[in-house]
Amino acid sequence: MELTGKQKRFLRGLGHGLKPVVTVGKNEVNAALVQQTDEALSTHELVKIKILESCLLDRHEVADELAATCGAQVAQVLGRTVLLYRPATEPKLELPKGRK
C-alpha cells in the first residue's frame, strides 16, 4: 500500500514531536540496524531515524533501503532525519482515507 499525500502530511504532523529512536552511523545499514528498526516499527508504527554525519550513504538511499527491508513506507526525508511508517497488526494510528 502506497501512502497518499494526505496520509504523508498527517504522519509528518505526528512525527514532528517524536525523538529519533534509531541512529544510522558509520556502520550504515547492517543487519543489527535493520533488526532495531523492525522492532521499533513493531512497537511504535511511526519511527524517526537520525542519520549521522559519519554515514557515507545518501539519506534517500538509507530511507529506501530501511523501508524495503522492514516492509515500511517512507513518510518523510527531511535533512538528516527519516520518518518511517508501518501499520501494526492492530493499528494504533488511524490514517486519513486515501482515494480509491
N, C-alpha and C. Protein backbone atom coordinates (compact mmCIF):
# COMPACT_ATOMS: atom_id res chain seq x y z
N MET A 1 0.84 -1.17 0.00
CA MET A 1 0.00 0.00 0.00
C MET A 1 0.89 1.25 0.00
N GLU A 2 0.68 2.09 -0.94
CA GLU A 2 1.44 3.35 -1.05
C GLU A 2 0.68 4.44 -0.28
N LEU A 3 1.41 5.24 0.47
CA LEU A 3 0.79 6.33 1.21
C LEU A 3 0.40 7.47 0.27
N THR A 4 -0.77 8.05 0.52
CA THR A 4 -1.19 9.21 -0.27
C THR A 4 -0.53 10.47 0.31
N GLY A 5 -0.61 11.57 -0.42
CA GLY A 5 -0.06 12.83 0.06
C GLY A 5 -0.70 13.27 1.37
N LYS A 6 -2.00 13.08 1.46
CA LYS A 6 -2.73 13.46 2.67
C LYS A 6 -2.27 12.64 3.88
N GLN A 7 -2.06 11.35 3.66
CA GLN A 7 -1.59 10.47 4.73
C GLN A 7 -0.17 10.83 5.15
N LYS A 8 0.69 11.15 4.17
CA LYS A 8 2.07 11.56 4.50
C LYS A 8 2.07 12.84 5.31
N ARG A 9 1.24 13.81 4.95
CA ARG A 9 1.15 15.05 5.72
C ARG A 9 0.70 14.78 7.15
N PHE A 10 -0.28 13.89 7.30
CA PHE A 10 -0.78 13.52 8.62
C PHE A 10 0.35 12.90 9.46
N LEU A 11 1.10 11.97 8.85
CA LEU A 11 2.20 11.29 9.56
C LEU A 11 3.32 12.27 9.90
N ARG A 12 3.62 13.20 8.99
CA ARG A 12 4.66 14.21 9.27
C ARG A 12 4.27 15.06 10.47
N GLY A 13 2.99 15.38 10.56
CA GLY A 13 2.50 16.14 11.71
C GLY A 13 2.69 15.39 13.01
N LEU A 14 2.38 14.10 12.99
CA LEU A 14 2.56 13.27 14.19
C LEU A 14 4.05 13.09 14.52
N GLY A 15 4.87 12.96 13.48
CA GLY A 15 6.29 12.70 13.67
C GLY A 15 7.09 13.89 14.13
N HIS A 16 6.51 15.09 13.97
CA HIS A 16 7.24 16.31 14.31
C HIS A 16 7.75 16.30 15.76
N GLY A 17 6.93 15.85 16.68
CA GLY A 17 7.31 15.87 18.10
C GLY A 17 8.07 14.65 18.57
N LEU A 18 8.26 13.67 17.70
CA LEU A 18 8.94 12.44 18.10
C LEU A 18 10.44 12.65 18.25
N LYS A 19 11.05 11.88 19.14
CA LYS A 19 12.51 11.85 19.26
C LYS A 19 13.01 10.70 18.38
N PRO A 20 14.21 10.84 17.80
CA PRO A 20 14.76 9.73 17.00
C PRO A 20 14.96 8.49 17.86
N VAL A 21 14.49 7.34 17.35
CA VAL A 21 14.59 6.08 18.07
C VAL A 21 15.77 5.27 17.55
N VAL A 22 16.09 5.44 16.27
CA VAL A 22 17.16 4.70 15.62
C VAL A 22 18.17 5.71 15.07
N THR A 23 19.46 5.36 15.18
CA THR A 23 20.52 6.23 14.66
C THR A 23 21.37 5.45 13.67
N VAL A 24 21.58 6.02 12.48
CA VAL A 24 22.43 5.39 11.45
C VAL A 24 23.77 6.10 11.47
N GLY A 25 24.83 5.34 11.74
CA GLY A 25 26.17 5.91 11.82
C GLY A 25 27.10 5.36 10.76
N LYS A 26 28.37 5.22 11.12
CA LYS A 26 29.37 4.81 10.14
C LYS A 26 29.21 3.35 9.70
N ASN A 27 28.50 2.54 10.49
CA ASN A 27 28.26 1.14 10.08
C ASN A 27 27.16 1.05 9.02
N GLU A 28 26.52 2.17 8.77
CA GLU A 28 25.47 2.29 7.76
C GLU A 28 24.35 1.28 7.98
N VAL A 29 23.73 0.78 6.91
CA VAL A 29 22.58 -0.12 7.06
C VAL A 29 23.10 -1.56 7.12
N ASN A 30 23.08 -2.14 8.33
CA ASN A 30 23.50 -3.53 8.50
C ASN A 30 22.37 -4.32 9.17
N ALA A 31 22.61 -5.60 9.40
CA ALA A 31 21.56 -6.48 9.94
C ALA A 31 21.07 -6.00 11.31
N ALA A 32 21.98 -5.55 12.17
CA ALA A 32 21.59 -5.10 13.51
C ALA A 32 20.70 -3.86 13.43
N LEU A 33 21.04 -2.96 12.52
CA LEU A 33 20.24 -1.74 12.36
C LEU A 33 18.85 -2.07 11.81
N VAL A 34 18.79 -2.98 10.86
CA VAL A 34 17.51 -3.40 10.29
C VAL A 34 16.65 -4.03 11.38
N GLN A 35 17.25 -4.88 12.22
CA GLN A 35 16.51 -5.52 13.31
C GLN A 35 16.00 -4.48 14.32
N GLN A 36 16.86 -3.52 14.66
CA GLN A 36 16.48 -2.45 15.59
C GLN A 36 15.31 -1.64 15.02
N THR A 37 15.39 -1.30 13.74
CA THR A 37 14.33 -0.53 13.09
C THR A 37 13.03 -1.34 13.03
N ASP A 38 13.15 -2.62 12.72
CA ASP A 38 11.99 -3.50 12.63
C ASP A 38 11.27 -3.59 13.98
N GLU A 39 12.05 -3.74 15.06
CA GLU A 39 11.46 -3.81 16.40
C GLU A 39 10.79 -2.49 16.77
N ALA A 40 11.44 -1.37 16.42
CA ALA A 40 10.87 -0.05 16.72
C ALA A 40 9.56 0.15 15.97
N LEU A 41 9.51 -0.29 14.71
CA LEU A 41 8.28 -0.17 13.92
C LEU A 41 7.16 -1.04 14.49
N SER A 42 7.53 -2.22 14.97
CA SER A 42 6.53 -3.12 15.58
C SER A 42 5.92 -2.48 16.82
N THR A 43 6.74 -1.76 17.57
CA THR A 43 6.28 -1.13 18.80
C THR A 43 5.53 0.17 18.55
N HIS A 44 6.08 1.01 17.68
CA HIS A 44 5.57 2.38 17.55
C HIS A 44 4.79 2.69 16.27
N GLU A 45 4.91 1.91 15.23
CA GLU A 45 4.30 2.17 13.91
C GLU A 45 4.97 3.31 13.16
N LEU A 46 5.20 4.44 13.84
CA LEU A 46 5.82 5.61 13.23
C LEU A 46 7.15 5.85 13.94
N VAL A 47 8.25 5.81 13.18
CA VAL A 47 9.59 5.88 13.78
C VAL A 47 10.41 6.97 13.12
N LYS A 48 11.09 7.76 13.95
CA LYS A 48 12.00 8.79 13.45
C LYS A 48 13.42 8.23 13.53
N ILE A 49 14.16 8.38 12.43
CA ILE A 49 15.52 7.85 12.33
C ILE A 49 16.47 9.01 12.05
N LYS A 50 17.55 9.07 12.79
CA LYS A 50 18.55 10.13 12.62
C LYS A 50 19.75 9.54 11.87
N ILE A 51 20.21 10.25 10.84
CA ILE A 51 21.38 9.83 10.07
C ILE A 51 22.55 10.74 10.47
N LEU A 52 23.58 10.15 11.04
CA LEU A 52 24.73 10.92 11.50
C LEU A 52 25.63 11.32 10.32
N GLU A 53 26.47 12.33 10.56
CA GLU A 53 27.42 12.80 9.53
C GLU A 53 28.36 11.68 9.09
N SER A 54 28.65 10.73 10.00
CA SER A 54 29.61 9.67 9.68
C SER A 54 29.06 8.64 8.69
N CYS A 55 27.76 8.65 8.44
CA CYS A 55 27.16 7.74 7.47
C CYS A 55 27.47 8.24 6.07
N LEU A 56 28.09 7.38 5.26
CA LEU A 56 28.52 7.79 3.92
C LEU A 56 27.42 7.64 2.87
N LEU A 57 26.37 6.88 3.19
CA LEU A 57 25.27 6.69 2.24
C LEU A 57 24.44 7.96 2.12
N ASP A 58 23.81 8.14 0.96
CA ASP A 58 22.86 9.24 0.76
C ASP A 58 21.64 9.00 1.65
N ARG A 59 21.06 10.07 2.17
CA ARG A 59 19.93 9.94 3.10
C ARG A 59 18.73 9.24 2.46
N HIS A 60 18.53 9.47 1.15
CA HIS A 60 17.41 8.80 0.47
C HIS A 60 17.69 7.31 0.29
N GLU A 61 18.96 6.95 0.07
CA GLU A 61 19.34 5.53 -0.02
C GLU A 61 19.05 4.83 1.30
N VAL A 62 19.43 5.46 2.40
CA VAL A 62 19.20 4.89 3.73
C VAL A 62 17.70 4.69 3.94
N ALA A 63 16.91 5.71 3.64
CA ALA A 63 15.45 5.65 3.82
C ALA A 63 14.85 4.52 2.99
N ASP A 64 15.21 4.46 1.71
CA ASP A 64 14.65 3.44 0.82
C ASP A 64 15.06 2.03 1.23
N GLU A 65 16.34 1.88 1.62
CA GLU A 65 16.84 0.55 2.00
C GLU A 65 16.17 0.06 3.27
N LEU A 66 16.05 0.92 4.28
CA LEU A 66 15.38 0.52 5.53
C LEU A 66 13.91 0.24 5.29
N ALA A 67 13.26 1.07 4.50
CA ALA A 67 11.83 0.86 4.21
C ALA A 67 11.62 -0.47 3.50
N ALA A 68 12.47 -0.76 2.53
CA ALA A 68 12.33 -2.01 1.77
C ALA A 68 12.57 -3.24 2.65
N THR A 69 13.62 -3.20 3.46
CA THR A 69 13.95 -4.38 4.27
C THR A 69 12.98 -4.59 5.43
N CYS A 70 12.35 -3.51 5.90
CA CYS A 70 11.42 -3.61 7.03
C CYS A 70 9.96 -3.65 6.60
N GLY A 71 9.70 -3.53 5.31
CA GLY A 71 8.32 -3.53 4.82
C GLY A 71 7.56 -2.29 5.26
N ALA A 72 8.25 -1.15 5.28
CA ALA A 72 7.65 0.10 5.75
C ALA A 72 7.52 1.10 4.60
N GLN A 73 6.90 2.23 4.88
CA GLN A 73 6.75 3.32 3.91
C GLN A 73 7.54 4.52 4.42
N VAL A 74 8.18 5.23 3.49
CA VAL A 74 8.88 6.47 3.86
C VAL A 74 7.84 7.59 3.88
N ALA A 75 7.63 8.18 5.06
CA ALA A 75 6.68 9.27 5.18
C ALA A 75 7.37 10.61 4.91
N GLN A 76 8.68 10.68 5.24
CA GLN A 76 9.40 11.94 5.06
C GLN A 76 10.90 11.72 5.14
N VAL A 77 11.64 12.48 4.33
CA VAL A 77 13.08 12.61 4.47
C VAL A 77 13.33 14.11 4.55
N LEU A 78 13.78 14.56 5.72
CA LEU A 78 13.99 15.99 5.94
C LEU A 78 15.36 16.17 6.58
N GLY A 79 16.26 16.79 5.86
CA GLY A 79 17.63 16.94 6.38
C GLY A 79 18.23 15.57 6.59
N ARG A 80 18.73 15.32 7.78
CA ARG A 80 19.31 14.01 8.09
C ARG A 80 18.37 13.17 8.95
N THR A 81 17.07 13.43 8.80
CA THR A 81 16.06 12.71 9.57
C THR A 81 15.09 12.02 8.61
N VAL A 82 14.76 10.77 8.93
CA VAL A 82 13.84 9.97 8.11
C VAL A 82 12.67 9.55 9.00
N LEU A 83 11.48 9.59 8.44
CA LEU A 83 10.29 9.15 9.14
C LEU A 83 9.73 7.94 8.41
N LEU A 84 9.67 6.79 9.10
CA LEU A 84 9.15 5.57 8.51
C LEU A 84 7.84 5.18 9.19
N TYR A 85 6.93 4.61 8.39
CA TYR A 85 5.64 4.17 8.91
C TYR A 85 5.36 2.75 8.43
N ARG A 86 4.92 1.92 9.37
CA ARG A 86 4.44 0.58 9.03
C ARG A 86 3.28 0.27 9.96
N PRO A 87 2.09 0.01 9.40
CA PRO A 87 0.94 -0.28 10.27
C PRO A 87 1.17 -1.57 11.06
N ALA A 88 0.77 -1.55 12.32
CA ALA A 88 0.89 -2.74 13.17
C ALA A 88 -0.22 -3.72 12.82
N THR A 89 -0.13 -4.94 13.35
CA THR A 89 -1.19 -5.92 13.11
C THR A 89 -2.52 -5.40 13.67
N GLU A 90 -2.45 -4.68 14.80
CA GLU A 90 -3.61 -3.96 15.32
C GLU A 90 -3.24 -2.48 15.34
N PRO A 91 -3.48 -1.77 14.24
CA PRO A 91 -3.02 -0.38 14.12
C PRO A 91 -3.52 0.53 15.24
N LYS A 92 -2.60 1.36 15.77
CA LYS A 92 -2.95 2.35 16.78
C LYS A 92 -3.26 3.69 16.11
N LEU A 93 -2.61 3.93 14.98
CA LEU A 93 -2.81 5.19 14.26
C LEU A 93 -3.90 5.02 13.21
N GLU A 94 -4.80 5.98 13.17
CA GLU A 94 -5.86 5.96 12.17
C GLU A 94 -5.49 6.98 11.08
N LEU A 95 -5.11 6.48 9.90
CA LEU A 95 -4.72 7.36 8.81
C LEU A 95 -5.96 7.92 8.11
N PRO A 96 -5.84 9.13 7.57
CA PRO A 96 -6.94 9.66 6.75
C PRO A 96 -7.16 8.74 5.55
N LYS A 97 -8.37 8.62 5.12
CA LYS A 97 -8.68 7.74 3.99
C LYS A 97 -8.08 8.29 2.71
N GLY A 98 -7.47 7.38 1.93
CA GLY A 98 -6.93 7.78 0.63
C GLY A 98 -7.98 7.65 -0.45
N ARG A 99 -7.64 8.10 -1.63
CA ARG A 99 -8.57 7.96 -2.76
C ARG A 99 -8.63 6.52 -3.20
N LYS A 100 -9.78 6.12 -3.66
CA LYS A 100 -9.97 4.74 -4.16
C LYS A 100 -9.56 4.66 -5.60
